[in-house]
Amino acid sequence: MQASVVRRSVDLSAYPNLVVVLLGFRVRRLRGIAAISGIGKGLRQIESNPPDGLLSSQQVFFALNHIGIRQYWRDLESLEAFTRSEPHSRWWRDFLRDSRGAGFWHETYSRQGMEAVYIDMPEPAGFDRFAPERQPTGPFMSARQRMGAD
């Protein structure tokens, strides 16, 4: 006798402002391994002491040289508060100065819109594989503005 498949769903009505973020880190050069290792330490800290608004975080592997994280946030305000605080703001500032042989991307999805940014990626990923490129400058600099949430 064949076992039946268990089908489940969820009620998201309590999360009207839910934001899902996919993050990816890709090793481009040997020294990128050290860059990703340092990021991993920070991610473990976030998982052991989640910031306000982070509902869940899961690590995923796209390939041996490409890891990712899927995060669920209560709302865009919580996500923005986290990205503007330590240690994230320091990591982001340092990464933008020198990616240390690693590529990074993130995509944000919510009912208000979607947005993405890609830094030092050796090849297109996600939206970048099909959507036209637009420079993240001026009014297109922040995730909120790219999402059209202002």
C-alpha atoms as a PDB file:
ATOM      1  CA  MET A   1       0.000   0.000   0.000  1.00  0.00           C
ATOM      2  CA  GLN A   2       1.350   3.411  -0.997  1.00  0.00           C
ATOM      3  CA  ALA A   3       1.611   6.112   1.689  1.00  0.00           C
ATOM      4  CA  SER A   4      -0.436   9.224   1.076  1.00  0.00           C
ATOM      5  CA  VAL A   5       1.174  12.624   0.652  1.00  0.00           C
ATOM      6  CA  VAL A   6       0.744  15.066   3.542  1.00  0.00           C
ATOM      7  CA  ARG A   7      -0.384  18.415   2.173  1.00  0.00           C
ATOM      8  CA  ARG A   8      -0.132  21.528   4.383  1.00  0.00           C
ATOM      9  CA  SER A   9      -0.502  25.285   4.054  1.00  0.00           C
ATOM     10  CA  VAL A  10      -0.240  28.313   6.351  1.00  0.00           C
ATOM     11  CA  ASP A  11      -2.416  31.264   7.321  1.00  0.00           C
ATOM     12  CA  LEU A  12      -0.425  34.447   6.692  1.00  0.00           C
ATOM     13  CA  SER A  13      -3.274  36.816   7.594  1.00  0.00           C
ATOM     14  CA  ALA A  14      -1.455  37.819  10.820  1.00  0.00           C
ATOM     15  CA  TYR A  15       1.500  38.996   8.682  1.00  0.00           C
ATOM     16  CA  PRO A  16       0.100  41.599   6.264  1.00  0.00           C
ATOM     17  CA  ASN A  17       3.487  43.316   5.921  1.00  0.00           C
ATOM     18  CA  LEU A  18       5.640  40.173   5.666  1.00  0.00           C
ATOM     19  CA  VAL A  19       8.950  40.641   3.841  1.00  0.00           C
ATOM     20  CA  VAL A  20      11.008  37.754   2.458  1.00  0.00           C
ATOM     21  CA  VAL A  21      14.685  38.297   1.691  1.00  0.00           C
ATOM     22  CA  LEU A  22      16.928  35.949  -0.247  1.00  0.00           C
ATOM     23  CA  LEU A  23      20.651  36.610   0.187  1.00  0.00           C
ATOM     24  CA  GLY A  24      23.468  34.977  -1.697  1.00  0.00           C
ATOM     25  CA  PHE A  25      27.261  34.929  -1.321  1.00  0.00           C
ATOM     26  CA  ARG A  26      29.448  33.520  -4.037  1.00  0.00           C
ATOM     27  CA  VAL A  27      33.176  32.859  -3.897  1.00  0.00           C
ATOM     28  CA  ARG A  28      34.830  34.458  -6.942  1.00  0.00           C
ATOM     29  CA  ARG A  29      38.471  34.109  -5.882  1.00  0.00           C
ATOM     30  CA  LEU A  30      40.289  32.058  -3.252  1.00  0.00           C
ATOM     31  CA  ARG A  31      40.326  34.906  -0.727  1.00  0.00           C
ATOM     32  CA  GLY A  32      36.522  34.973  -0.994  1.00  0.00           C
ATOM     33  CA  ILE A  33      36.454  31.882   1.226  1.00  0.00           C
ATOM     34  CA  ALA A  34      37.710  33.998   4.151  1.00  0.00           C
ATOM     35  CA  ALA A  35      35.110  36.689   3.371  1.00  0.00           C
ATOM     36  CA  ILE A  36      32.287  34.154   3.454  1.00  0.00           C
ATOM     37  CA  SER A  37      33.652  32.545   6.633  1.00  0.00           C
ATOM     38  CA  GLY A  38      33.493  35.921   8.369  1.00  0.00           C
ATOM     39  CA  ILE A  39      29.922  36.417   7.206  1.00  0.00           C
ATOM     40  CA  GLY A  40      29.049  32.967   8.534  1.00  0.00           C
ATOM     41  CA  LYS A  41      30.190  33.993  12.012  1.00  0.00           C
ATOM     42  CA  GLY A  42      27.890  37.022  11.900  1.00  0.00           C
ATOM     43  CA  LEU A  43      24.979  34.903  10.682  1.00  0.00           C
ATOM     44  CA  ARG A  44      25.398  32.486  13.585  1.00  0.00           C
ATOM     45  CA  GLN A  45      25.214  35.460  15.971  1.00  0.00           C
ATOM     46  CA  ILE A  46      22.007  36.647  14.303  1.00  0.00           C
ATOM     47  CA  GLU A  47      20.474  33.180  14.569  1.00  0.00           C
ATOM     48  CA  SER A  48      21.392  32.852  18.256  1.00  0.00           C
ATOM     49  CA  ASN A  49      20.170  36.381  19.072  1.00  0.00           C
ATOM     50  CA  PRO A  50      17.576  37.325  16.414  1.00  0.00           C
ATOM     51  CA  PRO A  51      16.934  41.032  15.882  1.00  0.00           C
ATOM     52  CA  ASP A  52      13.441  42.407  16.482  1.00  0.00           C
ATOM     53  CA  GLY A  53      11.204  41.531  13.568  1.00  0.00           C
ATOM     54  CA  LEU A  54      13.183  38.557  12.221  1.00  0.00           C
ATOM     55  CA  LEU A  55      10.670  35.713  12.198  1.00  0.00           C
ATOM     56  CA  SER A  56      12.843  32.998  10.674  1.00  0.00           C
ATOM     57  CA  SER A  57      16.173  32.503   8.939  1.00  0.00           C
ATOM     58  CA  GLN A  58      17.397  29.471   7.005  1.00  0.00           C
ATOM     59  CA  GLN A  59      20.685  28.805   5.273  1.00  0.00           C
ATOM     60  CA  VAL A  60      20.654  27.254   1.814  1.00  0.00           C
ATOM     61  CA  PHE A  61      23.352  25.999  -0.555  1.00  0.00           C
ATOM     62  CA  PHE A  62      23.114  26.840  -4.232  1.00  0.00           C
ATOM     63  CA  ALA A  63      26.521  25.282  -5.026  1.00  0.00           C
ATOM     64  CA  LEU A  64      29.807  24.555  -3.256  1.00  0.00           C
ATOM     65  CA  ASN A  65      30.909  28.151  -3.878  1.00  0.00           C
ATOM     66  CA  HIS A  66      27.482  29.805  -3.525  1.00  0.00           C
ATOM     67  CA  ILE A  67      25.622  29.893  -0.202  1.00  0.00           C
ATOM     68  CA  GLY A  68      22.448  31.689   0.666  1.00  0.00           C
ATOM     69  CA  ILE A  69      20.082  32.710   3.398  1.00  0.00           C
ATOM     70  CA  ARG A  70      16.315  33.031   3.302  1.00  0.00           C
ATOM     71  CA  GLN A  71      14.884  35.394   5.913  1.00  0.00           C
ATOM     72  CA  TYR A  72      11.311  36.232   6.868  1.00  0.00           C
ATOM     73  CA  TRP A  73      10.758  39.657   8.448  1.00  0.00           C
ATOM     74  CA  ARG A  74       7.634  40.969  10.153  1.00  0.00           C
ATOM     75  CA  ASP A  75       7.774  44.163   8.064  1.00  0.00           C
ATOM     76  CA  LEU A  76      10.069  46.396   6.015  1.00  0.00           C
ATOM     77  CA  GLU A  77      10.648  48.730   8.982  1.00  0.00           C
ATOM     78  CA  SER A  78      12.141  45.879  11.054  1.00  0.00           C
ATOM     79  CA  LEU A  79      14.384  44.829   8.190  1.00  0.00           C
ATOM     80  CA  GLU A  80      15.549  48.414   7.630  1.00  0.00           C
ATOM     81  CA  ALA A  81      16.239  48.923  11.349  1.00  0.00           C
ATOM     82  CA  PHE A  82      18.428  45.818  11.325  1.00  0.00           C
ATOM     83  CA  THR A  83      20.340  46.809   8.174  1.00  0.00           C
ATOM     84  CA  ARG A  84      21.108  50.238   9.658  1.00  0.00           C
ATOM     85  CA  SER A  85      22.384  48.827  12.951  1.00  0.00           C
ATOM     86  CA  GLU A  86      25.576  47.019  13.986  1.00  0.00           C
ATOM     87  CA  PRO A  87      26.908  44.595  12.975  1.00  0.00           C
ATOM     88  CA  HIS A  88      25.122  44.727   9.609  1.00  0.00           C
ATOM     89  CA  SER A  89      25.901  48.365   8.783  1.00  0.00           C
ATOM     90  CA  ARG A  90      29.627  47.835   9.451  1.00  0.00           C
ATOM     91  CA  TRP A  91      29.725  44.646   7.389  1.00  0.00           C
ATOM     92  CA  TRP A  92      27.913  46.328   4.482  1.00  0.00           C
ATOM     93  CA  ARG A  93      30.192  49.393   4.561  1.00  0.00           C
ATOM     94  CA  ASP A  94      33.303  47.178   4.616  1.00  0.00           C
ATOM     95  CA  PHE A  95      32.001  44.927   1.853  1.00  0.00           C
ATOM     96  CA  LEU A  96      31.283  47.888  -0.421  1.00  0.00           C
ATOM     97  CA  ARG A  97      34.896  49.040   0.042  1.00  0.00           C
ATOM     98  CA  ASP A  98      36.348  45.602  -0.738  1.00  0.00           C
ATOM     99  CA  SER A  99      34.347  42.487  -1.590  1.00  0.00           C
ATOM    100  CA  ARG A 100      37.479  40.396  -0.834  1.00  0.00           C
ATOM    101  CA  GLY A 101      36.889  37.956  -3.686  1.00  0.00           C
ATOM    102  CA  ALA A 102      33.231  37.287  -2.927  1.00  0.00           C
ATOM    103  CA  GLY A 103      30.078  38.287  -4.742  1.00  0.00           C
ATOM    104  CA  PHE A 104      26.851  39.224  -2.968  1.00  0.00           C
ATOM    105  CA  TRP A 105      23.226  39.616  -3.979  1.00  0.00           C
ATOM    106  CA  HIS A 106      19.897  40.054  -2.292  1.00  0.00           C
ATOM    107  CA  GLU A 107      16.301  40.047  -3.455  1.00  0.00           C
ATOM    108  CA  THR A 108      13.431  41.345  -1.346  1.00  0.00           C
ATOM    109  CA  TYR A 109       9.809  40.304  -1.839  1.00  0.00           C
ATOM    110  CA  SER A 110       6.712  41.770  -0.194  1.00  0.00           C
ATOM    111  CA  ARG A 111       3.142  42.643  -1.035  1.00  0.00           C
ATOM    112  CA  GLN A 112       4.332  46.216  -1.573  1.00  0.00           C
ATOM    113  CA  GLY A 113       6.850  45.234  -4.258  1.00  0.00           C
ATOM    114  CA  MET A 114      10.109  43.503  -5.077  1.00  0.00           C
ATOM    115  CA  GLU A 115      13.691  44.725  -5.411  1.00  0.00           C
ATOM    116  CA  ALA A 116      17.226  43.445  -5.815  1.00  0.00           C
ATOM    117  CA  VAL A 117      20.887  44.443  -5.743  1.00  0.00           C
ATOM    118  CA  TYR A 118      23.948  42.546  -7.008  1.00  0.00           C
ATOM    119  CA  ILE A 119      27.560  43.317  -6.056  1.00  0.00           C
ATOM    120  CA  ASP A 120      30.632  41.792  -7.692  1.00  0.00           C
ATOM    121  CA  MET A 121      28.709  38.784  -8.946  1.00  0.00           C
ATOM    122  CA  PRO A 122      30.621  36.906 -11.664  1.00  0.00           C
ATOM    123  CA  GLU A 123      27.416  36.074 -13.539  1.00  0.00           C
ATOM    124  CA  PRO A 124      23.734  37.018 -13.318  1.00  0.00           C
ATOM    125  CA  ALA A 125      21.592  35.543 -10.533  1.00  0.00           C
ATOM    126  CA  GLY A 126      17.867  35.797  -9.808  1.00  0.00           C
ATOM    127  CA  PHE A 127      16.094  38.789 -11.339  1.00  0.00           C
ATOM    128  CA  ASP A 128      19.405  39.796 -12.930  1.00  0.00           C
ATOM    129  CA  ARG A 129      19.034  36.857 -15.323  1.00  0.00           C
ATOM    130  CA  PHE A 130      16.043  38.402 -17.109  1.00  0.00           C
ATOM    131  CA  ALA A 131      15.249  41.968 -15.960  1.00  0.00           C
ATOM    132  CA  PRO A 132      16.962  45.029 -17.465  1.00  0.00           C
ATOM    133  CA  GLU A 133      19.775  46.504 -15.389  1.00  0.00           C
ATOM    134  CA  ARG A 134      19.301  49.754 -13.504  1.00  0.00           C
ATOM    135  CA  GLN A 135      22.032  51.458 -11.478  1.00  0.00           C
ATOM    136  CA  PRO A 136      21.330  51.639  -7.700  1.00  0.00           C
ATOM    137  CA  THR A 137      22.045  55.365  -7.453  1.00  0.00           C
ATOM    138  CA  GLY A 138      20.082  58.493  -6.582  1.00  0.00           C
ATOM    139  CA  PRO A 139      16.410  57.749  -6.000  1.00  0.00           C
ATOM    140  CA  PHE A 140      17.093  54.068  -6.697  1.00  0.00           C
ATOM    141  CA  MET A 141      19.672  53.725  -3.891  1.00  0.00           C
ATOM    142  CA  SER A 142      17.645  52.112  -1.078  1.00  0.00           C
ATOM    143  CA  ALA A 143      15.671  48.871  -1.029  1.00  0.00           C
ATOM    144  CA  ARG A 144      12.573  50.827   0.024  1.00  0.00           C
ATOM    145  CA  GLN A 145      12.871  53.112  -3.005  1.00  0.00           C
ATOM    146  CA  ARG A 146      13.562  50.219  -5.393  1.00  0.00           C
ATOM    147  CA  MET A 147      10.422  48.510  -4.071  1.00  0.00           C
ATOM    148  CA  GLY A 148       8.368  51.652  -4.597  1.00  0.00           C
ATOM    149  CA  ALA A 149       7.371  51.494  -0.910  1.00  0.00           C
ATOM    150  CA  ASP A 150       7.883  55.265  -0.372  1.00  0.00           C
END
